Protein backbone atom coordinates (compact mmCIF):
# COMPACT_ATOMS: atom_id res chain seq x y z
CA MET A 1 -6.04 -17.44 -13.35
CA ASN A 2 -8.11 -18.77 -10.46
CA LYS A 3 -9.62 -22.21 -10.80
CA THR A 4 -13.37 -22.42 -10.22
CA ASP A 5 -14.23 -24.73 -7.33
CA PHE A 6 -17.08 -27.06 -8.26
CA SER A 7 -16.94 -29.17 -5.08
CA ASP A 8 -19.92 -27.44 -3.42
CA MET A 9 -22.19 -27.62 -6.46
CA PRO A 10 -25.03 -30.14 -6.09
CA CYS A 11 -24.42 -31.68 -9.53
CA PRO A 12 -22.51 -35.01 -9.32
CA VAL A 13 -20.65 -34.21 -12.57
CA ALA A 14 -19.43 -30.91 -11.12
CA LYS A 15 -18.46 -32.56 -7.82
CA SER A 16 -16.52 -35.24 -9.72
CA LEU A 17 -14.74 -32.69 -11.90
CA ALA A 18 -13.67 -30.86 -8.74
CA ARG A 19 -11.74 -34.03 -7.83
CA VAL A 20 -10.40 -35.26 -11.18
CA GLY A 21 -11.18 -32.56 -13.77
CA GLU A 22 -7.57 -31.53 -14.28
CA TRP A 23 -6.05 -33.62 -17.12
CA TRP A 24 -2.85 -34.50 -15.25
CA SER A 25 -4.97 -35.99 -12.47
CA ILE A 26 -6.80 -38.26 -14.88
CA LEU A 27 -3.52 -39.37 -16.47
CA ILE A 28 -2.03 -40.09 -13.03
CA LEU A 29 -5.10 -42.20 -12.19
CA ARG A 30 -4.73 -43.99 -15.53
CA ASP A 31 -1.11 -44.83 -14.72
CA ALA A 32 -2.09 -45.94 -11.21
CA PHE A 33 -4.57 -48.38 -12.82
CA TYR A 34 -1.71 -49.65 -14.97
CA GLY A 35 0.28 -50.37 -11.81
CA LEU A 36 2.56 -47.36 -11.32
CA THR A 37 2.96 -46.35 -7.68
CA ARG A 38 6.13 -44.26 -7.28
CA PHE A 39 6.69 -40.58 -7.92
CA SER A 40 9.58 -41.33 -10.29
CA GLU A 41 7.41 -43.76 -12.28
CA PHE A 42 4.64 -41.19 -12.76
CA GLU A 43 7.20 -38.50 -13.59
CA THR A 44 8.86 -40.66 -16.25
CA SER A 45 5.64 -42.02 -17.73
CA LEU A 46 3.95 -38.64 -18.01
CA ASN A 47 6.99 -36.47 -18.67
CA ILE A 48 5.52 -34.06 -16.13
CA ALA A 49 7.36 -31.38 -14.16
CA PRO A 50 8.06 -32.50 -10.57
CA ASN A 51 6.28 -29.50 -9.01
CA MET A 52 3.15 -30.17 -11.08
CA LEU A 53 3.23 -33.87 -10.23
CA THR A 54 3.59 -33.06 -6.53
CA ARG A 55 0.52 -30.78 -6.67
CA ARG A 56 -1.59 -33.29 -8.56
CA LEU A 57 -0.61 -36.21 -6.30
CA ASN A 58 -1.36 -34.10 -3.21
CA ASP A 59 -4.76 -33.17 -4.65
CA LEU A 60 -5.58 -36.82 -5.43
CA VAL A 61 -4.58 -37.83 -1.91
CA GLU A 62 -6.54 -34.94 -0.38
CA ASN A 63 -9.61 -35.83 -2.45
CA GLY A 64 -9.45 -39.47 -1.36
CA LEU A 65 -8.57 -41.08 -4.71
CA LEU A 66 -5.01 -42.08 -3.82
CA GLU A 67 -3.34 -42.85 -0.52
CA ARG A 68 0.31 -42.14 0.22
CA LYS A 69 2.25 -44.97 1.91
CA PRO A 70 5.90 -44.85 3.00
CA CYS A 71 8.06 -47.39 1.14
CA SER A 72 11.53 -46.48 2.43
CA GLU A 73 12.92 -44.64 5.42
CA THR A 74 16.27 -43.25 4.25
CA PRO A 75 15.62 -41.28 2.24
CA THR A 76 11.89 -41.12 2.94
CA ARG A 77 10.04 -42.28 -0.15
CA PHE A 78 6.35 -42.89 -0.76
CA GLU A 79 4.15 -44.98 -2.98
CA TYR A 80 0.71 -43.94 -4.15
CA HIS A 81 -2.07 -46.51 -4.15
CA LEU A 82 -5.65 -46.26 -5.33
CA THR A 83 -8.31 -45.99 -2.64
CA ASP A 84 -11.74 -47.56 -3.11
CA ALA A 85 -12.96 -44.23 -4.54
CA GLY A 86 -9.97 -44.21 -6.89
CA LYS A 87 -10.64 -47.79 -7.99
CA ASP A 88 -14.26 -46.86 -8.70
CA PHE A 89 -12.94 -44.39 -11.31
CA ARG A 90 -11.66 -47.29 -13.44
CA PRO A 91 -14.81 -47.57 -15.64
CA VAL A 92 -14.45 -43.88 -16.48
CA ILE A 93 -10.91 -44.55 -17.73
CA TRP A 94 -12.13 -47.55 -19.73
CA ALA A 95 -14.89 -45.43 -21.27
CA LEU A 96 -12.34 -42.73 -22.18
CA VAL A 97 -10.14 -45.36 -23.85
CA ALA A 98 -13.07 -46.60 -25.97
CA TRP A 99 -14.34 -43.08 -26.74
CA GLY A 100 -10.87 -41.83 -27.69
CA ASN A 101 -10.28 -44.84 -29.94
CA ALA A 102 -13.67 -44.42 -31.63
CA HIS A 103 -13.43 -40.68 -32.27
CA PHE A 104 -9.84 -39.45 -32.11
CA SER A 105 -7.59 -42.25 -33.35
CA PRO A 106 -7.76 -42.36 -37.16
CA GLU A 107 -4.36 -44.09 -37.15
CA GLY A 108 -5.80 -46.92 -35.05
CA ALA A 109 -6.07 -47.72 -31.38
CA ALA A 110 -2.90 -47.32 -29.31
CA SER A 111 -4.44 -49.23 -26.40
CA VAL A 112 -7.57 -51.29 -25.98
CA LEU A 113 -9.40 -52.95 -23.12
CA VAL A 114 -8.92 -56.74 -23.37
CA ASN A 115 -10.28 -59.74 -21.51
CA ARG A 116 -7.60 -60.90 -19.01
CA HIS A 117 -8.21 -64.57 -19.77
CA THR A 118 -8.73 -64.60 -23.53
CA GLY A 119 -6.92 -61.45 -24.67
CA VAL A 120 -9.94 -60.63 -26.81
CA PRO A 121 -10.60 -56.86 -27.11
CA ALA A 122 -13.67 -55.70 -25.22
CA GLN A 123 -16.05 -52.88 -25.96
CA PRO A 124 -17.17 -51.27 -22.70
CA VAL A 125 -20.84 -50.37 -22.37
CA LEU A 126 -22.83 -49.05 -19.47
CA ILE A 127 -25.31 -51.59 -18.07
CA ASP A 128 -28.11 -51.05 -15.58
CA ALA A 129 -27.20 -53.36 -12.70
CA ASN A 130 -30.90 -53.63 -11.75
CA THR A 131 -32.13 -54.89 -15.12
CA GLY A 132 -28.99 -55.95 -17.03
CA GLU A 133 -30.15 -53.64 -19.83
CA LYS A 134 -27.67 -51.57 -21.85
CA ILE A 135 -28.03 -47.90 -20.94
CA THR A 136 -28.80 -45.85 -24.04
CA SER A 137 -30.22 -42.36 -24.49
CA GLU A 138 -33.32 -43.92 -26.01
CA ASN A 139 -34.15 -45.81 -22.81
CA TYR A 140 -32.53 -43.75 -20.04
CA ARG A 141 -32.20 -40.12 -19.01
CA VAL A 142 -30.82 -38.26 -16.03
CA GLY A 143 -33.48 -37.30 -13.52
CA PRO A 144 -33.48 -35.44 -10.22
CA GLY A 145 -32.31 -37.34 -7.17
CA PRO A 146 -33.64 -37.06 -3.64
CA ALA A 147 -31.24 -34.20 -2.80
CA ALA A 148 -31.94 -32.22 -5.98
CA SER A 149 -32.58 -28.52 -5.48
CA GLU A 150 -35.50 -26.68 -7.03
CA GLN A 151 -33.12 -25.36 -9.72
CA MET A 152 -31.89 -28.83 -10.60
CA ARG A 153 -35.44 -30.21 -10.67
CA TYR A 154 -36.44 -27.38 -13.02
CA ARG A 155 -33.53 -28.17 -15.36
CA MET A 156 -34.26 -31.92 -15.38
CA ASP A 157 -37.98 -31.32 -15.99
CA PHE A 158 -37.19 -28.85 -18.78
CA LEU A 159 -34.90 -31.32 -20.53
CA ARG A 160 -37.43 -34.13 -20.18
CA LEU A 161 -40.25 -31.97 -21.57
CA LYS A 162 -38.09 -30.72 -24.43
CA GLN A 163 -37.22 -34.30 -25.43
CA GLU A 164 -40.76 -35.59 -25.06
CA ALA A 165 -42.24 -32.71 -27.01
CA GLY A 166 -39.52 -32.85 -29.66
CA ASN A 167 -39.65 -29.07 -29.59
CA GLU A 168 -36.26 -27.50 -30.20
CA ASN A 169 -37.81 -24.02 -29.82
CA LEU A 170 -38.39 -24.41 -26.08
CA ARG A 171 -36.00 -22.11 -24.22
CA PHE A 172 -34.36 -22.78 -20.89
CA ASN A 173 -35.52 -20.04 -18.51
CA PRO A 174 -34.82 -21.18 -14.95
CA PRO A 175 -35.95 -19.41 -11.82
CA ALA A 176 -33.64 -16.63 -10.60
CA LYS A 177 -30.72 -18.55 -9.01
CA ALA A 178 -28.99 -21.37 -10.96
CA ASP A 179 -27.12 -23.87 -8.77
CA ALA A 180 -25.81 -26.52 -11.13
């Protein structure tokens, strides 16, 4: 089965999924945030086949989320460290922890985000850095950016109009070519 390549799509969600959309990749990033750096550490933590781990690590390096650094010469061994782009994925991991605990952990949370200084569990929320306001669907929506195509602008306008009108009967009927 061939994997669909989303990297050329204009949608930022699609572009992001092209880099981290494979579940092993997200789990490797999670473990990198927890401090793992060596192939053997990832392999043991994830119980992943070495060939799969090699592919995923290579993809994460190629996509600029991890960097490979030599840590020994004989035999040659490497460590994997988060790049700035990789570090910027951390809030996504924190959001997945909170979302998974809230919706898929009836037995209770296996891990939680805690304040480093107090140890008190935190509840991550998305905040608008410009206003300090909590981002909610009541106050915020996704809109077209400066590079949005005509197709994307149509989709964003349609969704806005549908919400504003409260009309569930409106049907999405984009112009001929859909791009994202």
